[in-house]
Amino acid sequence: MTPSSPPGLTRFNTAEDGAARAALHAICGSRAWADALLARRPYPAAEALLAASDAATAALSADALAEAMAAHPPIGSPEPGDPASAREQRGMAQAPSALRAEMLELNLAYQQKFGHVFLICATGLDATRMLDAIRHRLGNTPERERENVRTELGKINRIRLARLLETPQEGTRP
C-alpha cells in the first residue's frame, strides 16, 4: 500500500474472488458491474478503481441496470438491517409524516411509470430535495430517466466504494 492508498485497497486487491465479489455485490447489485471491476484487479490506486466503476456503470446493459436498481429499496423505506441504506437515506428519516407519505405516493407513481424504483444518490440530501427530485423526474421520458438512473447509480457506487476502501479493519471481508 502506498502512502496515499486507502487502507482497504490492498485488502480489496488481494481478497479471494468470492470475498471481493460479495463486497462488490453489497455496493451494486449488478453482476456485470462486479465482473468488470474484478477483471481489472489489482488497482494501483483508488482513482483507478473509481474510474473502472464509472466505466462499468456507463457500459451496463438495460438488463444489468435493472438488476442494479432491483437491489435498492425505495426512498423512504430503507432495507431493515442494511446500515448503508439507512445511512444514505438519513435525510428522509427525520422528515415530517406528510412529506414521507407524499414520497411514498410519488414512489408508487414513479414505479408505475418507469417500471423500477426511483433511484437517487440520497447521501447528503434532505427530504425536501429528494421530494423535489422525484416530482421533477416524473416528467421525464423513459430514455431520459434511464440516463438519470445511470448517473445516480454511478454516484452511489463511488460513495460506497470509497467507504469500502477507507475501512481500516484488517482481516475483515473487503
Protein backbone atom coordinates (compact mmCIF):
# COMPACT_ATOMS: atom_id res chain seq x y z
CA MET A 1 0.00 0.00 0.00
CA THR A 2 1.44 3.38 -0.97
CA PRO A 3 1.19 6.30 1.47
CA SER A 4 -1.76 7.75 -0.48
CA SER A 5 -3.58 4.42 -0.85
CA PRO A 6 -6.65 3.96 1.29
CA PRO A 7 -6.34 1.06 3.74
CA GLY A 8 -8.95 -1.09 2.02
CA LEU A 9 -7.40 -1.01 -1.46
CA THR A 10 -4.73 -3.62 -0.76
CA ARG A 11 -7.30 -5.77 1.03
CA PHE A 12 -9.68 -5.50 -1.95
CA ASN A 13 -6.91 -6.18 -4.48
CA THR A 14 -5.74 -9.31 -2.65
CA ALA A 15 -9.08 -10.70 -1.49
CA GLU A 16 -10.22 -14.02 -2.88
CA ASP A 17 -12.64 -13.59 -5.77
CA GLY A 18 -15.64 -14.73 -3.71
CA ALA A 19 -14.96 -12.24 -0.92
CA ALA A 20 -14.29 -9.41 -3.36
CA ARG A 21 -17.45 -10.28 -5.32
CA ALA A 22 -19.52 -10.25 -2.11
CA ALA A 23 -18.12 -6.83 -1.20
CA LEU A 24 -18.93 -5.51 -4.67
CA HIS A 25 -22.42 -7.02 -4.56
CA ALA A 26 -23.07 -5.07 -1.34
CA ILE A 27 -22.17 -1.92 -3.28
CA CYS A 28 -24.04 -2.61 -6.53
CA GLY A 29 -26.45 -5.41 -7.37
CA SER A 30 -25.28 -5.73 -10.99
CA ARG A 31 -23.22 -8.85 -11.70
CA ALA A 32 -21.88 -7.25 -14.89
CA TRP A 33 -20.58 -4.27 -12.89
CA ALA A 34 -18.89 -6.55 -10.36
CA ASP A 35 -17.41 -8.72 -13.13
CA ALA A 36 -15.94 -5.66 -14.82
CA LEU A 37 -14.31 -4.45 -11.60
CA LEU A 38 -12.99 -7.89 -10.67
CA ALA A 39 -11.47 -8.36 -14.12
CA ARG A 40 -9.23 -5.33 -13.70
CA ARG A 41 -7.75 -6.15 -10.29
CA PRO A 42 -5.29 -5.23 -8.92
CA TYR A 43 -5.84 -1.47 -8.92
CA PRO A 44 -2.79 0.77 -8.45
CA ALA A 45 -4.84 3.49 -6.74
CA ALA A 46 -8.34 4.27 -5.56
CA GLU A 47 -8.80 6.60 -8.53
CA ALA A 48 -8.27 3.69 -10.91
CA LEU A 49 -10.94 1.64 -9.14
CA LEU A 50 -13.36 4.57 -9.20
CA ALA A 51 -12.67 5.14 -12.90
CA ALA A 52 -13.29 1.44 -13.59
CA SER A 53 -16.57 1.71 -11.67
CA ASP A 54 -17.61 4.72 -13.75
CA ALA A 55 -16.78 2.88 -16.99
CA ALA A 56 -18.59 -0.27 -15.87
CA THR A 57 -21.67 1.73 -14.85
CA ALA A 58 -21.69 3.55 -18.19
CA ALA A 59 -21.48 0.23 -20.03
CA LEU A 60 -24.34 -1.53 -18.20
CA SER A 61 -26.96 -3.02 -20.47
CA ALA A 62 -30.62 -2.30 -19.76
CA ASP A 63 -30.91 -5.68 -18.00
CA ALA A 64 -27.80 -5.09 -15.89
CA LEU A 65 -29.05 -1.63 -14.95
CA ALA A 66 -32.40 -3.14 -13.93
CA GLU A 67 -30.53 -5.73 -11.86
CA ALA A 68 -28.63 -2.95 -10.08
CA MET A 69 -31.81 -0.95 -9.41
CA ALA A 70 -33.59 -4.00 -8.01
CA ALA A 71 -31.06 -4.06 -5.17
CA HIS A 72 -32.08 -0.58 -3.98
CA PRO A 73 -35.01 -0.04 -1.61
CA PRO A 74 -37.43 2.81 -2.30
CA ILE A 75 -36.53 6.21 -0.89
CA GLY A 76 -38.19 6.49 2.49
CA SER A 77 -38.17 2.73 3.05
CA PRO A 78 -34.59 1.69 3.79
CA GLU A 79 -33.96 -2.03 3.92
CA PRO A 80 -34.25 -3.24 7.54
CA GLY A 81 -30.84 -4.26 8.87
CA ASP A 82 -28.99 -2.54 6.00
CA PRO A 83 -26.82 0.19 7.54
CA ALA A 84 -25.78 1.58 4.12
CA SER A 85 -29.40 2.06 3.10
CA ALA A 86 -30.31 3.69 6.42
CA ARG A 87 -27.21 5.93 6.34
CA GLU A 88 -27.82 7.03 2.77
CA GLN A 89 -31.49 7.77 3.36
CA ARG A 90 -30.94 9.58 6.66
CA GLY A 91 -32.36 12.80 5.18
CA MET A 92 -35.75 11.15 4.80
CA ALA A 93 -35.80 9.57 8.27
CA GLN A 94 -36.42 12.86 10.07
CA ALA A 95 -38.98 14.17 7.57
CA PRO A 96 -42.49 15.06 8.71
CA SER A 97 -45.03 12.27 8.22
CA ALA A 98 -46.89 14.21 5.50
CA LEU A 99 -43.72 14.52 3.43
CA ARG A 100 -42.90 10.83 3.90
CA ALA A 101 -46.46 9.93 2.83
CA GLU A 102 -46.13 12.09 -0.29
CA MET A 103 -42.78 10.44 -1.09
CA LEU A 104 -44.38 7.02 -0.79
CA GLU A 105 -47.18 8.08 -3.13
CA LEU A 106 -44.73 9.51 -5.66
CA ASN A 107 -42.51 6.42 -5.39
CA LEU A 108 -45.53 4.32 -6.44
CA ALA A 109 -46.35 6.67 -9.33
CA TYR A 110 -42.71 6.57 -10.44
CA GLN A 111 -42.60 2.76 -10.33
CA GLN A 112 -45.82 2.56 -12.33
CA LYS A 113 -44.47 4.93 -14.98
CA PHE A 114 -40.92 3.62 -15.28
CA GLY A 115 -41.17 0.05 -14.01
CA HIS A 116 -38.42 0.39 -11.41
CA VAL A 117 -37.56 2.06 -8.13
CA PHE A 118 -36.80 5.79 -8.02
CA LEU A 119 -33.03 5.88 -7.68
CA ILE A 120 -31.24 8.93 -6.36
CA CYS A 121 -27.95 9.39 -4.59
CA ALA A 122 -29.59 10.39 -1.31
CA THR A 123 -26.36 10.87 0.65
CA GLY A 124 -26.37 14.40 2.00
CA LEU A 125 -29.83 15.25 0.66
CA ASP A 126 -32.67 16.32 2.88
CA ALA A 127 -36.21 15.04 2.37
CA THR A 128 -37.37 18.17 0.56
CA ARG A 129 -34.64 17.88 -2.07
CA MET A 130 -35.46 14.20 -2.65
CA LEU A 131 -39.15 15.03 -2.96
CA ASP A 132 -38.39 17.84 -5.42
CA ALA A 133 -36.22 15.46 -7.45
CA ILE A 134 -38.88 12.78 -7.79
CA ARG A 135 -41.51 15.37 -8.71
CA HIS A 136 -39.23 16.72 -11.45
CA ARG A 137 -38.13 13.33 -12.74
CA LEU A 138 -41.67 12.00 -13.05
CA GLY A 139 -41.94 14.28 -16.09
CA ASN A 140 -39.02 12.62 -17.88
CA THR A 141 -39.21 10.24 -20.78
CA PRO A 142 -38.16 6.65 -20.03
CA GLU A 143 -34.96 7.19 -22.04
CA ARG A 144 -34.01 10.34 -20.15
CA GLU A 145 -34.85 8.74 -16.84
CA ARG A 146 -32.70 5.69 -17.61
CA GLU A 147 -29.73 8.04 -18.04
CA ASN A 148 -30.61 9.83 -14.77
CA VAL A 149 -30.68 6.46 -13.03
CA ARG A 150 -27.30 5.53 -14.53
CA THR A 151 -25.82 8.82 -13.29
CA GLU A 152 -27.28 8.40 -9.80
CA LEU A 153 -26.12 4.77 -9.65
CA GLY A 154 -22.61 5.89 -10.56
CA LYS A 155 -22.62 8.41 -7.69
CA ILE A 156 -23.89 5.78 -5.23
CA ASN A 157 -21.29 3.25 -6.38
CA ARG A 158 -18.48 5.79 -5.96
CA ILE A 159 -19.56 6.70 -2.42
CA ARG A 160 -19.89 3.06 -1.43
CA LEU A 161 -16.55 2.10 -2.99
CA ALA A 162 -14.81 4.97 -1.21
CA ARG A 163 -16.32 3.80 2.07
CA LEU A 164 -15.14 0.24 1.39
CA LEU A 165 -11.62 1.46 0.63
CA GLU A 166 -11.43 3.63 3.73
CA THR A 167 -12.37 0.80 6.10
CA PRO A 168 -9.29 0.31 8.28
CA GLN A 169 -10.01 -3.10 9.83
CA GLU A 170 -7.60 -5.78 8.74
CA GLY A 171 -8.75 -9.36 8.50
CA THR A 172 -12.28 -8.42 7.52
CA ARG A 173 -14.05 -9.04 4.27
CA PRO A 174 -13.25 -6.26 1.75
